[in-house]
């Protein structure tokens, strides 16, 4: 599956950083989260239970890019 190529979830990333996240990174993630949800909705799907565990980060290339699982 594609999930094997992605890194940790946003929830795990925050736990590894003591529950804190840089403000600039948090704002960047917020914009990406909204964009990902808009893409899913534009395809006619509704994701009813969105949690931090559903957003995954890439491991190496573009480490600050989020993906919706």
PDB file of N, CA and C in Angstrom:
ATOM      1  N   UNK A   1       0.823  -1.183   0.000  1.00  0.00           N
ATOM      2  CA  UNK A   1       0.000   0.000   0.000  1.00  0.00           C
ATOM      3  C   UNK A   1       0.867   1.247   0.000  1.00  0.00           C
ATOM      4  N   UNK A   2       0.283   2.322  -0.386  1.00  0.00           N
ATOM      5  CA  UNK A   2       0.989   3.595  -0.430  1.00  0.00           C
ATOM      6  C   UNK A   2       1.390   4.089   0.955  1.00  0.00           C
ATOM      7  N   UNK A   3       0.637   3.696   1.973  1.00  0.00           N
ATOM      8  CA  UNK A   3       0.925   4.156   3.323  1.00  0.00           C
ATOM      9  C   UNK A   3       2.307   3.740   3.802  1.00  0.00           C
ATOM     10  N   UNK A   4       2.842   2.651   3.247  1.00  0.00           N
ATOM     11  CA  UNK A   4       4.173   2.194   3.642  1.00  0.00           C
ATOM     12  C   UNK A   4       5.267   3.159   3.223  1.00  0.00           C
ATOM     13  N   UNK A   5       5.012   3.974   2.210  1.00  0.00           N
ATOM     14  CA  UNK A   5       6.010   4.918   1.717  1.00  0.00           C
ATOM     15  C   UNK A   5       5.955   6.254   2.446  1.00  0.00           C
ATOM     16  N   UNK A   6       4.919   6.453   3.233  1.00  0.00           N
ATOM     17  CA  UNK A   6       4.769   7.710   3.959  1.00  0.00           C
ATOM     18  C   UNK A   6       5.328   7.560   5.365  1.00  0.00           C
ATOM     19  N   UNK A   7       5.542   8.680   6.006  1.00  0.00           N
ATOM     20  CA  UNK A   7       6.131   8.692   7.337  1.00  0.00           C
ATOM     21  C   UNK A   7       5.075   8.648   8.425  1.00  0.00           C
ATOM     22  N   UNK A   8       5.404   9.246   9.569  1.00  0.00           N
ATOM     23  CA  UNK A   8       4.503   9.178  10.720  1.00  0.00           C
ATOM     24  C   UNK A   8       3.266  10.043  10.534  1.00  0.00           C
ATOM     25  N   UNK A   9       2.248   9.724  11.293  1.00  0.00           N
ATOM     26  CA  UNK A   9       1.037  10.545  11.271  1.00  0.00           C
ATOM     27  C   UNK A   9       1.324  11.856  11.994  1.00  0.00           C
ATOM     28  N   UNK A  10       0.461  12.811  11.798  1.00  0.00           N
ATOM     29  CA  UNK A  10       0.620  14.106  12.440  1.00  0.00           C
ATOM     30  C   UNK A  10       0.558  13.957  13.960  1.00  0.00           C
ATOM     31  N   UNK A  11      -0.282  13.072  14.435  1.00  0.00           N
ATOM     32  CA  UNK A  11      -0.407  12.817  15.867  1.00  0.00           C
ATOM     33  C   UNK A  11       0.910  12.278  16.433  1.00  0.00           C
ATOM     34  N   UNK A  12       1.498  11.305  15.770  1.00  0.00           N
ATOM     35  CA  UNK A  12       2.761  10.718  16.216  1.00  0.00           C
ATOM     36  C   UNK A  12       3.888  11.740  16.136  1.00  0.00           C
ATOM     37  N   UNK A  13       3.876  12.558  15.093  1.00  0.00           N
ATOM     38  CA  UNK A  13       4.887  13.609  14.939  1.00  0.00           C
ATOM     39  C   UNK A  13       4.843  14.575  16.125  1.00  0.00           C
ATOM     40  N   UNK A  14       3.639  14.970  16.523  1.00  0.00           N
ATOM     41  CA  UNK A  14       3.505  15.893  17.650  1.00  0.00           C
ATOM     42  C   UNK A  14       3.914  15.234  18.957  1.00  0.00           C
ATOM     43  N   UNK A  15       3.578  13.962  19.161  1.00  0.00           N
ATOM     44  CA  UNK A  15       3.974  13.264  20.379  1.00  0.00           C
ATOM     45  C   UNK A  15       5.492  13.161  20.478  1.00  0.00           C
ATOM     46  N   UNK A  16       6.168  12.955  19.351  1.00  0.00           N
ATOM     47  CA  UNK A  16       7.629  12.861  19.352  1.00  0.00           C
ATOM     48  C   UNK A  16       8.291  14.201  19.641  1.00  0.00           C
ATOM     49  N   UNK A  17       7.566  15.295  19.444  1.00  0.00           N
ATOM     50  CA  UNK A  17       8.095  16.626  19.712  1.00  0.00           C
ATOM     51  C   UNK A  17       7.560  17.204  21.015  1.00  0.00           C
ATOM     52  N   UNK A  18       7.164  16.372  21.927  1.00  0.00           N
ATOM     53  CA  UNK A  18       6.681  16.836  23.228  1.00  0.00           C
ATOM     54  C   UNK A  18       5.332  17.519  23.174  1.00  0.00           C
ATOM     55  N   UNK A  19       4.539  17.238  22.155  1.00  0.00           N
ATOM     56  CA  UNK A  19       3.212  17.822  22.024  1.00  0.00           C
ATOM     57  C   UNK A  19       3.221  19.245  21.502  1.00  0.00           C
ATOM     58  N   UNK A  20       4.390  19.730  21.129  1.00  0.00           N
ATOM     59  CA  UNK A  20       4.505  21.094  20.621  1.00  0.00           C
ATOM     60  C   UNK A  20       4.908  21.070  19.159  1.00  0.00           C
ATOM     61  N   UNK A  21       4.507  22.128  18.461  1.00  0.00           N
ATOM     62  CA  UNK A  21       4.833  22.245  17.048  1.00  0.00           C
ATOM     63  C   UNK A  21       5.086  23.728  16.761  1.00  0.00           C
ATOM     64  N   UNK A  22       6.026  24.006  15.905  1.00  0.00           N
ATOM     65  CA  UNK A  22       6.376  25.369  15.533  1.00  0.00           C
ATOM     66  C   UNK A  22       5.165  26.064  14.917  1.00  0.00           C
ATOM     67  N   UNK A  23       4.968  27.346  15.235  1.00  0.00           N
ATOM     68  CA  UNK A  23       3.806  28.081  14.744  1.00  0.00           C
ATOM     69  C   UNK A  23       3.761  28.133  13.219  1.00  0.00           C
ATOM     70  N   UNK A  24       4.886  28.412  12.583  1.00  0.00           N
ATOM     71  CA  UNK A  24       4.928  28.473  11.115  1.00  0.00           C
ATOM     72  C   UNK A  24       4.548  27.127  10.503  1.00  0.00           C
ATOM     73  N   UNK A  25       5.063  26.045  11.077  1.00  0.00           N
ATOM     74  CA  UNK A  25       4.752  24.704  10.584  1.00  0.00           C
ATOM     75  C   UNK A  25       3.275  24.370  10.829  1.00  0.00           C
ATOM     76  N   UNK A  26       2.748  24.770  11.974  1.00  0.00           N
ATOM     77  CA  UNK A  26       1.341  24.517  12.279  1.00  0.00           C
ATOM     78  C   UNK A  26       0.427  25.236  11.288  1.00  0.00           C
ATOM     79  N   UNK A  27       0.774  26.474  10.950  1.00  0.00           N
ATOM     80  CA  UNK A  27      -0.035  27.219   9.981  1.00  0.00           C
ATOM     81  C   UNK A  27       0.051  26.594   8.597  1.00  0.00           C
ATOM     82  N   UNK A  28       1.237  26.130   8.233  1.00  0.00           N
ATOM     83  CA  UNK A  28       1.419  25.456   6.943  1.00  0.00           C
ATOM     84  C   UNK A  28       0.604  24.166   6.904  1.00  0.00           C
ATOM     85  N   UNK A  29       0.639  23.392   7.985  1.00  0.00           N
ATOM     86  CA  UNK A  29      -0.133  22.151   8.059  1.00  0.00           C
ATOM     87  C   UNK A  29      -1.629  22.439   7.990  1.00  0.00           C
ATOM     88  N   UNK A  30      -2.058  23.517   8.629  1.00  0.00           N
ATOM     89  CA  UNK A  30      -3.481  23.859   8.635  1.00  0.00           C
ATOM     90  C   UNK A  30      -3.982  24.093   7.216  1.00  0.00           C
ATOM     91  N   UNK A  31      -3.217  24.844   6.441  1.00  0.00           N
ATOM     92  CA  UNK A  31      -3.605  25.125   5.057  1.00  0.00           C
ATOM     93  C   UNK A  31      -3.646  23.824   4.253  1.00  0.00           C
ATOM     94  N   UNK A  32      -2.643  22.982   4.427  1.00  0.00           N
ATOM     95  CA  UNK A  32      -2.594  21.714   3.688  1.00  0.00           C
ATOM     96  C   UNK A  32      -3.747  20.794   4.071  1.00  0.00           C
ATOM     97  N   UNK A  33      -4.112  20.779   5.356  1.00  0.00           N
ATOM     98  CA  UNK A  33      -5.216  19.930   5.804  1.00  0.00           C
ATOM     99  C   UNK A  33      -6.527  20.356   5.139  1.00  0.00           C
ATOM    100  N   UNK A  34      -6.760  21.647   5.089  1.00  0.00           N
ATOM    101  CA  UNK A  34      -7.980  22.157   4.453  1.00  0.00           C
ATOM    102  C   UNK A  34      -7.980  21.830   2.963  1.00  0.00           C
ATOM    103  N   UNK A  35      -6.832  21.997   2.305  1.00  0.00           N
ATOM    104  CA  UNK A  35      -6.738  21.676   0.877  1.00  0.00           C
ATOM    105  C   UNK A  35      -7.014  20.201   0.616  1.00  0.00           C
ATOM    106  N   UNK A  36      -6.476  19.317   1.447  1.00  0.00           N
ATOM    107  CA  UNK A  36      -6.684  17.878   1.254  1.00  0.00           C
ATOM    108  C   UNK A  36      -8.152  17.515   1.420  1.00  0.00           C
ATOM    109  N   UNK A  37      -8.801  18.098   2.415  1.00  0.00           N
ATOM    110  CA  UNK A  37     -10.220  17.821   2.644  1.00  0.00           C
ATOM    111  C   UNK A  37     -11.059  18.361   1.491  1.00  0.00           C
ATOM    112  N   UNK A  38     -10.711  19.531   0.958  1.00  0.00           N
ATOM    113  CA  UNK A  38     -11.431  20.088  -0.185  1.00  0.00           C
ATOM    114  C   UNK A  38     -11.313  19.193  -1.412  1.00  0.00           C
ATOM    115  N   UNK A  39     -10.143  18.619  -1.619  1.00  0.00           N
ATOM    116  CA  UNK A  39      -9.945  17.713  -2.758  1.00  0.00           C
ATOM    117  C   UNK A  39     -10.847  16.489  -2.626  1.00  0.00           C
ATOM    118  N   UNK A  40     -10.875  15.915  -1.427  1.00  0.00           N
ATOM    119  CA  UNK A  40     -11.723  14.735  -1.194  1.00  0.00           C
ATOM    120  C   UNK A  40     -13.190  15.091  -1.430  1.00  0.00           C
ATOM    121  N   UNK A  41     -13.639  16.233  -0.932  1.00  0.00           N
ATOM    122  CA  UNK A  41     -15.031  16.651  -1.104  1.00  0.00           C
ATOM    123  C   UNK A  41     -15.359  16.946  -2.565  1.00  0.00           C
ATOM    124  N   UNK A  42     -14.388  17.485  -3.305  1.00  0.00           N
ATOM    125  CA  UNK A  42     -14.642  17.789  -4.713  1.00  0.00           C
ATOM    126  C   UNK A  42     -14.845  16.524  -5.543  1.00  0.00           C
ATOM    127  N   UNK A  43     -14.348  15.397  -5.050  1.00  0.00           N
ATOM    128  CA  UNK A  43     -14.534  14.112  -5.731  1.00  0.00           C
ATOM    129  C   UNK A  43     -15.843  13.437  -5.339  1.00  0.00           C
ATOM    130  N   UNK A  44     -16.607  14.064  -4.442  1.00  0.00           N
ATOM    131  CA  UNK A  44     -17.900  13.523  -4.044  1.00  0.00           C
ATOM    132  C   UNK A  44     -17.861  12.625  -2.819  1.00  0.00           C
ATOM    133  N   UNK A  45     -16.752  12.604  -2.122  1.00  0.00           N
ATOM    134  CA  UNK A  45     -16.619  11.783  -0.913  1.00  0.00           C
ATOM    135  C   UNK A  45     -16.684  12.661   0.326  1.00  0.00           C
ATOM    136  N   UNK A  46     -17.179  12.089   1.403  1.00  0.00           N
ATOM    137  CA  UNK A  46     -17.221  12.786   2.680  1.00  0.00           C
ATOM    138  C   UNK A  46     -16.422  11.957   3.682  1.00  0.00           C
ATOM    139  N   UNK A  47     -15.425  12.559   4.281  1.00  0.00           N
ATOM    140  CA  UNK A  47     -14.601  11.909   5.308  1.00  0.00           C
ATOM    141  C   UNK A  47     -15.190  12.339   6.641  1.00  0.00           C
ATOM    142  N   UNK A  48     -15.893  11.437   7.315  1.00  0.00           N
ATOM    143  CA  UNK A  48     -16.693  11.815   8.468  1.00  0.00           C
ATOM    144  C   UNK A  48     -15.943  11.847   9.787  1.00  0.00           C
ATOM    145  N   UNK A  49     -14.802  11.219   9.875  1.00  0.00           N
ATOM    146  CA  UNK A  49     -14.099  11.152  11.157  1.00  0.00           C
ATOM    147  C   UNK A  49     -12.637  11.542  10.941  1.00  0.00           C
ATOM    148  N   UNK A  50     -12.379  12.824  10.794  1.00  0.00           N
ATOM    149  CA  UNK A  50     -11.023  13.293  10.521  1.00  0.00           C
ATOM    150  C   UNK A  50     -10.310  13.542  11.844  1.00  0.00           C
ATOM    151  N   UNK A  51      -9.154  12.906  11.986  1.00  0.00           N
ATOM    152  CA  UNK A  51      -8.332  13.034  13.194  1.00  0.00           C
ATOM    153  C   UNK A  51      -6.889  13.286  12.776  1.00  0.00           C
ATOM    154  N   UNK A  52      -6.038  13.721  13.696  1.00  0.00           N
ATOM    155  CA  UNK A  52      -4.617  13.916  13.359  1.00  0.00           C
ATOM    156  C   UNK A  52      -3.949  12.645  12.848  1.00  0.00           C
ATOM    157  N   UNK A  53      -4.450  11.486  13.248  1.00  0.00           N
ATOM    158  CA  UNK A  53      -3.875  10.220  12.787  1.00  0.00           C
ATOM    159  C   UNK A  53      -4.093   9.987  11.303  1.00  0.00           C
ATOM    160  N   UNK A  54      -5.058  10.706  10.717  1.00  0.00           N
ATOM    161  CA  UNK A  54      -5.387  10.531   9.300  1.00  0.00           C
ATOM    162  C   UNK A  54      -4.460  11.306   8.373  1.00  0.00           C
ATOM    163  N   UNK A  55      -3.671  12.208   8.916  1.00  0.00           N
ATOM    164  CA  UNK A  55      -2.739  12.997   8.118  1.00  0.00           C
ATOM    165  C   UNK A  55      -1.332  12.452   8.309  1.00  0.00           C
ATOM    166  N   UNK A  56      -0.692  12.091   7.200  1.00  0.00           N
ATOM    167  CA  UNK A  56       0.637  11.493   7.245  1.00  0.00           C
ATOM    168  C   UNK A  56       1.656  12.420   6.613  1.00  0.00           C
ATOM    169  N   UNK A  57       2.874  12.383   7.156  1.00  0.00           N
ATOM    170  CA  UNK A  57       3.975  13.173   6.611  1.00  0.00           C
ATOM    171  C   UNK A  57       4.853  12.278   5.760  1.00  0.00           C
ATOM    172  N   UNK A  58       5.531  12.877   4.814  1.00  0.00           N
ATOM    173  CA  UNK A  58       6.470  12.134   3.974  1.00  0.00           C
ATOM    174  C   UNK A  58       7.769  11.938   4.755  1.00  0.00           C
ATOM    175  N   UNK A  59       8.474  10.835   4.506  1.00  0.00           N
ATOM    176  CA  UNK A  59       9.681  10.539   5.258  1.00  0.00           C
ATOM    177  C   UNK A  59      10.858  11.411   4.868  1.00  0.00           C
ATOM    178  N   UNK A  60      11.224  11.420   3.584  1.00  0.00           N
ATOM    179  CA  UNK A  60      12.465  12.089   3.183  1.00  0.00           C
ATOM    180  C   UNK A  60      12.218  13.311   2.312  1.00  0.00           C
ATOM    181  N   UNK A  61      11.782  13.106   1.098  1.00  0.00           N
ATOM    182  CA  UNK A  61      11.531  14.228   0.199  1.00  0.00           C
ATOM    183  C   UNK A  61      10.310  14.998   0.671  1.00  0.00           C
ATOM    184  N   UNK A  62      10.429  16.306   0.689  1.00  0.00           N
ATOM    185  CA  UNK A  62       9.337  17.188   1.092  1.00  0.00           C
ATOM    186  C   UNK A  62       8.747  16.776   2.434  1.00  0.00           C
ATOM    187  N   UNK A  63       9.529  16.825   3.502  1.00  0.00           N
ATOM    188  CA  UNK A  63       9.080  16.309   4.796  1.00  0.00           C
ATOM    189  C   UNK A  63       7.922  17.095   5.424  1.00  0.00           C
ATOM    190  N   UNK A  64       7.635  18.297   4.948  1.00  0.00           N
ATOM    191  CA  UNK A  64       6.557  19.074   5.536  1.00  0.00           C
ATOM    192  C   UNK A  64       5.274  19.011   4.711  1.00  0.00           C
ATOM    193  N   UNK A  65       5.181  18.050   3.816  1.00  0.00           N
ATOM    194  CA  UNK A  65       3.975  17.868   3.020  1.00  0.00           C
ATOM    195  C   UNK A  65       3.097  16.825   3.689  1.00  0.00           C
ATOM    196  N   UNK A  66       1.807  17.116   3.797  1.00  0.00           N
ATOM    197  CA  UNK A  66       0.865  16.198   4.421  1.00  0.00           C
ATOM    198  C   UNK A  66       0.046  15.442   3.375  1.00  0.00           C
ATOM    199  N   UNK A  67      -0.337  14.238   3.739  1.00  0.00           N
ATOM    200  CA  UNK A  67      -1.191  13.400   2.914  1.00  0.00           C
ATOM    201  C   UNK A  67      -2.353  12.937   3.763  1.00  0.00           C
ATOM    202  N   UNK A  68      -3.518  12.827   3.179  1.00  0.00           N
ATOM    203  CA  UNK A  68      -4.711  12.373   3.891  1.00  0.00           C
ATOM    204  C   UNK A  68      -4.914  10.890   3.627  1.00  0.00           C
ATOM    205  N   UNK A  69      -4.976  10.125   4.695  1.00  0.00           N
ATOM    206  CA  UNK A  69      -5.152   8.671   4.575  1.00  0.00           C
ATOM    207  C   UNK A  69      -6.607   8.299   4.739  1.00  0.00           C
TER     208      UNK A  69
END
